Amino acid sequence: MKNARLLFKSKSHGVTDIIAMIDELGEFTRSASLADSVVGRAAALLCLHSGITSVYGSRMSEGAVSIFKARGIHHEFGQLVPRILNRKMDDICPFDKAVSGIEEPVVALERLRSVKP
């Protein structure tokens, strides 16, 4: 959302939708808000890359919160979780695993483009 206007909507799952939003909207995401069901560290880094200034996640990881706090991004969540798990719930989300140790949003985007969920 930006200026009370819906910019992008998806019913798919995962970080790939945020990448699609970045590719489709480019600079239009600057100063926008994002709401998603799950917001992990990977999604948080993509939000930084996009210039998004406000984020809501029904479920948000502690890693995402840490990124948002460090960069002064307004964020809210329904449930705070230690980490985001994969769909089988037996390991860390592959997108969050791919950006482990990465702090630069541009580097995160490049890495995330190659992840196969």
C-alpha atoms as a PDB file:
ATOM      1  CA  MET A   1       0.000   0.000   0.000  1.00  0.00           C
ATOM      2  CA  LYS A   2       1.057   3.514  -0.697  1.00  0.00           C
ATOM      3  CA  ASN A   3      -1.042   6.671  -0.352  1.00  0.00           C
ATOM      4  CA  ALA A   4      -4.134   4.508   0.337  1.00  0.00           C
ATOM      5  CA  ARG A   5      -3.587   2.668  -2.964  1.00  0.00           C
ATOM      6  CA  LEU A   6      -2.956  -1.069  -3.339  1.00  0.00           C
ATOM      7  CA  LEU A   7       0.227  -1.466  -5.376  1.00  0.00           C
ATOM      8  CA  PHE A   8       0.669  -5.241  -5.393  1.00  0.00           C
ATOM      9  CA  LYS A   9      -1.260  -8.271  -4.206  1.00  0.00           C
ATOM     10  CA  SER A  10      -0.450 -11.963  -4.343  1.00  0.00           C
ATOM     11  CA  LYS A  11      -1.967 -15.144  -2.996  1.00  0.00           C
ATOM     12  CA  SER A  12       1.190 -17.201  -3.420  1.00  0.00           C
ATOM     13  CA  HIS A  13       3.569 -18.152  -0.634  1.00  0.00           C
ATOM     14  CA  GLY A  14       7.087 -17.132   0.126  1.00  0.00           C
ATOM     15  CA  VAL A  15       9.692 -14.512  -0.538  1.00  0.00           C
ATOM     16  CA  THR A  16       9.390 -14.999  -4.300  1.00  0.00           C
ATOM     17  CA  ASP A  17       6.310 -12.750  -4.242  1.00  0.00           C
ATOM     18  CA  ILE A  18       8.294  -9.901  -2.715  1.00  0.00           C
ATOM     19  CA  ILE A  19      10.943 -10.367  -5.419  1.00  0.00           C
ATOM     20  CA  ALA A  20       8.167 -10.265  -8.051  1.00  0.00           C
ATOM     21  CA  MET A  21       6.888  -7.048  -6.457  1.00  0.00           C
ATOM     22  CA  ILE A  22      10.378  -5.518  -6.623  1.00  0.00           C
ATOM     23  CA  ASP A  23      10.722  -6.514 -10.284  1.00  0.00           C
ATOM     24  CA  GLU A  24       7.270  -5.206 -11.212  1.00  0.00           C
ATOM     25  CA  LEU A  25       7.142  -1.966  -9.220  1.00  0.00           C
ATOM     26  CA  GLY A  26      10.740  -0.840  -8.865  1.00  0.00           C
ATOM     27  CA  GLU A  27      10.926   2.577  -7.222  1.00  0.00           C
ATOM     28  CA  PHE A  28       7.150   2.737  -6.589  1.00  0.00           C
ATOM     29  CA  THR A  29       7.722   0.705  -3.416  1.00  0.00           C
ATOM     30  CA  ARG A  30       9.621   3.582  -1.768  1.00  0.00           C
ATOM     31  CA  SER A  31       7.761   4.741   1.366  1.00  0.00           C
ATOM     32  CA  ALA A  32       5.111   2.029   0.941  1.00  0.00           C
ATOM     33  CA  SER A  33       3.710  -0.370   3.540  1.00  0.00           C
ATOM     34  CA  LEU A  34       3.747  -4.147   3.322  1.00  0.00           C
ATOM     35  CA  ALA A  35       1.550  -6.739   5.008  1.00  0.00           C
ATOM     36  CA  ASP A  36       2.215 -10.469   4.774  1.00  0.00           C
ATOM     37  CA  SER A  37       1.316 -13.596   6.659  1.00  0.00           C
ATOM     38  CA  VAL A  38       4.963 -14.499   7.350  1.00  0.00           C
ATOM     39  CA  VAL A  39       7.882 -12.071   7.598  1.00  0.00           C
ATOM     40  CA  GLY A  40      11.309 -13.538   8.199  1.00  0.00           C
ATOM     41  CA  ARG A  41      14.802 -12.167   7.900  1.00  0.00           C
ATOM     42  CA  ALA A  42      14.886 -12.587   4.107  1.00  0.00           C
ATOM     43  CA  ALA A  43      11.646 -10.645   3.671  1.00  0.00           C
ATOM     44  CA  ALA A  44      12.932  -7.941   6.023  1.00  0.00           C
ATOM     45  CA  LEU A  45      16.072  -7.444   3.929  1.00  0.00           C
ATOM     46  CA  LEU A  46      13.944  -7.214   0.776  1.00  0.00           C
ATOM     47  CA  CYS A  47      11.755  -4.608   2.466  1.00  0.00           C
ATOM     48  CA  LEU A  48      14.871  -2.552   3.167  1.00  0.00           C
ATOM     49  CA  HIS A  49      15.977  -2.920  -0.437  1.00  0.00           C
ATOM     50  CA  SER A  50      12.539  -1.741  -1.597  1.00  0.00           C
ATOM     51  CA  GLY A  51      12.426   1.311   0.653  1.00  0.00           C
ATOM     52  CA  ILE A  52       9.328   0.030   2.440  1.00  0.00           C
ATOM     53  CA  THR A  53       8.807   2.012   5.634  1.00  0.00           C
ATOM     54  CA  SER A  54       6.116   0.036   7.471  1.00  0.00           C
ATOM     55  CA  VAL A  55       5.644  -3.750   7.768  1.00  0.00           C
ATOM     56  CA  TYR A  56       3.002  -5.974   9.323  1.00  0.00           C
ATOM     57  CA  GLY A  57       3.419  -9.723   9.619  1.00  0.00           C
ATOM     58  CA  SER A  58       0.872 -12.113  11.076  1.00  0.00           C
ATOM     59  CA  ARG A  59       3.955 -14.099  12.088  1.00  0.00           C
ATOM     60  CA  MET A  60       7.335 -12.361  12.280  1.00  0.00           C
ATOM     61  CA  SER A  61      10.734 -13.715  13.234  1.00  0.00           C
ATOM     62  CA  GLU A  62      13.051 -12.233  15.824  1.00  0.00           C
ATOM     63  CA  GLY A  63      15.611 -11.794  13.020  1.00  0.00           C
ATOM     64  CA  ALA A  64      13.192  -9.636  11.043  1.00  0.00           C
ATOM     65  CA  VAL A  65      12.395  -7.542  14.121  1.00  0.00           C
ATOM     66  CA  SER A  66      16.110  -7.022  14.726  1.00  0.00           C
ATOM     67  CA  ILE A  67      16.600  -5.740  11.166  1.00  0.00           C
ATOM     68  CA  PHE A  68      13.601  -3.423  11.370  1.00  0.00           C
ATOM     69  CA  LYS A  69      14.667  -2.015  14.743  1.00  0.00           C
ATOM     70  CA  ALA A  70      18.243  -1.415  13.564  1.00  0.00           C
ATOM     71  CA  ARG A  71      17.010   0.501  10.499  1.00  0.00           C
ATOM     72  CA  GLY A  72      14.116   2.353  12.141  1.00  0.00           C
ATOM     73  CA  ILE A  73      11.404   0.597  10.111  1.00  0.00           C
ATOM     74  CA  HIS A  74       7.962   0.633  11.715  1.00  0.00           C
ATOM     75  CA  HIS A  75       6.834  -2.959  12.236  1.00  0.00           C
ATOM     76  CA  GLU A  76       4.022  -4.839  13.919  1.00  0.00           C
ATOM     77  CA  PHE A  77       3.211  -8.507  14.223  1.00  0.00           C
ATOM     78  CA  GLY A  78       0.539 -10.854  15.431  1.00  0.00           C
ATOM     79  CA  GLN A  79       2.942 -13.543  16.627  1.00  0.00           C
ATOM     80  CA  LEU A  80       6.672 -13.249  17.269  1.00  0.00           C
ATOM     81  CA  VAL A  81       8.642 -16.457  16.605  1.00  0.00           C
ATOM     82  CA  PRO A  82      12.336 -17.253  17.062  1.00  0.00           C
ATOM     83  CA  ARG A  83      12.729 -18.210  13.390  1.00  0.00           C
ATOM     84  CA  ILE A  84      10.703 -19.020  10.298  1.00  0.00           C
ATOM     85  CA  LEU A  85      10.631 -22.709   9.407  1.00  0.00           C
ATOM     86  CA  ASN A  86      10.287 -24.394   6.043  1.00  0.00           C
ATOM     87  CA  ARG A  87       6.959 -25.833   4.889  1.00  0.00           C
ATOM     88  CA  LYS A  88       7.766 -29.258   6.346  1.00  0.00           C
ATOM     89  CA  MET A  89       8.504 -27.525   9.672  1.00  0.00           C
ATOM     90  CA  ASP A  90      11.737 -29.500  10.062  1.00  0.00           C
ATOM     91  CA  ASP A  91      14.380 -26.868   9.258  1.00  0.00           C
ATOM     92  CA  ILE A  92      14.909 -23.124   8.853  1.00  0.00           C
ATOM     93  CA  CYS A  93      13.179 -21.493   5.887  1.00  0.00           C
ATOM     94  CA  PRO A  94      15.451 -21.861   2.821  1.00  0.00           C
ATOM     95  CA  PHE A  95      15.219 -18.128   2.109  1.00  0.00           C
ATOM     96  CA  ASP A  96      16.253 -17.158   5.631  1.00  0.00           C
ATOM     97  CA  LYS A  97      19.017 -19.763   5.500  1.00  0.00           C
ATOM     98  CA  ALA A  98      20.284 -18.244   2.227  1.00  0.00           C
ATOM     99  CA  VAL A  99      20.716 -14.788   3.803  1.00  0.00           C
ATOM    100  CA  SER A 100      22.245 -15.955   7.060  1.00  0.00           C
ATOM    101  CA  GLY A 101      25.033 -13.524   7.917  1.00  0.00           C
ATOM    102  CA  ILE A 102      24.082 -11.101   5.134  1.00  0.00           C
ATOM    103  CA  GLU A 103      23.341  -7.526   6.165  1.00  0.00           C
ATOM    104  CA  GLU A 104      23.288  -5.726   2.803  1.00  0.00           C
ATOM    105  CA  PRO A 105      19.869  -5.723   1.088  1.00  0.00           C
ATOM    106  CA  VAL A 106      21.333  -5.694  -2.449  1.00  0.00           C
ATOM    107  CA  VAL A 107      23.446  -8.755  -1.686  1.00  0.00           C
ATOM    108  CA  ALA A 108      20.427 -10.454  -0.106  1.00  0.00           C
ATOM    109  CA  LEU A 109      18.311  -9.867  -3.218  1.00  0.00           C
ATOM    110  CA  GLU A 110      20.959 -11.385  -5.479  1.00  0.00           C
ATOM    111  CA  ARG A 111      21.312 -14.414  -3.231  1.00  0.00           C
ATOM    112  CA  LEU A 112      17.543 -14.873  -2.895  1.00  0.00           C
ATOM    113  CA  ARG A 113      16.996 -14.834  -6.659  1.00  0.00           C
ATOM    114  CA  SER A 114      18.836 -18.150  -6.834  1.00  0.00           C
ATOM    115  CA  VAL A 115      17.004 -19.965  -4.015  1.00  0.00           C
ATOM    116  CA  LYS A 116      14.670 -22.809  -4.930  1.00  0.00           C
ATOM    117  CA  PRO A 117      12.082 -23.276  -2.165  1.00  0.00           C
END
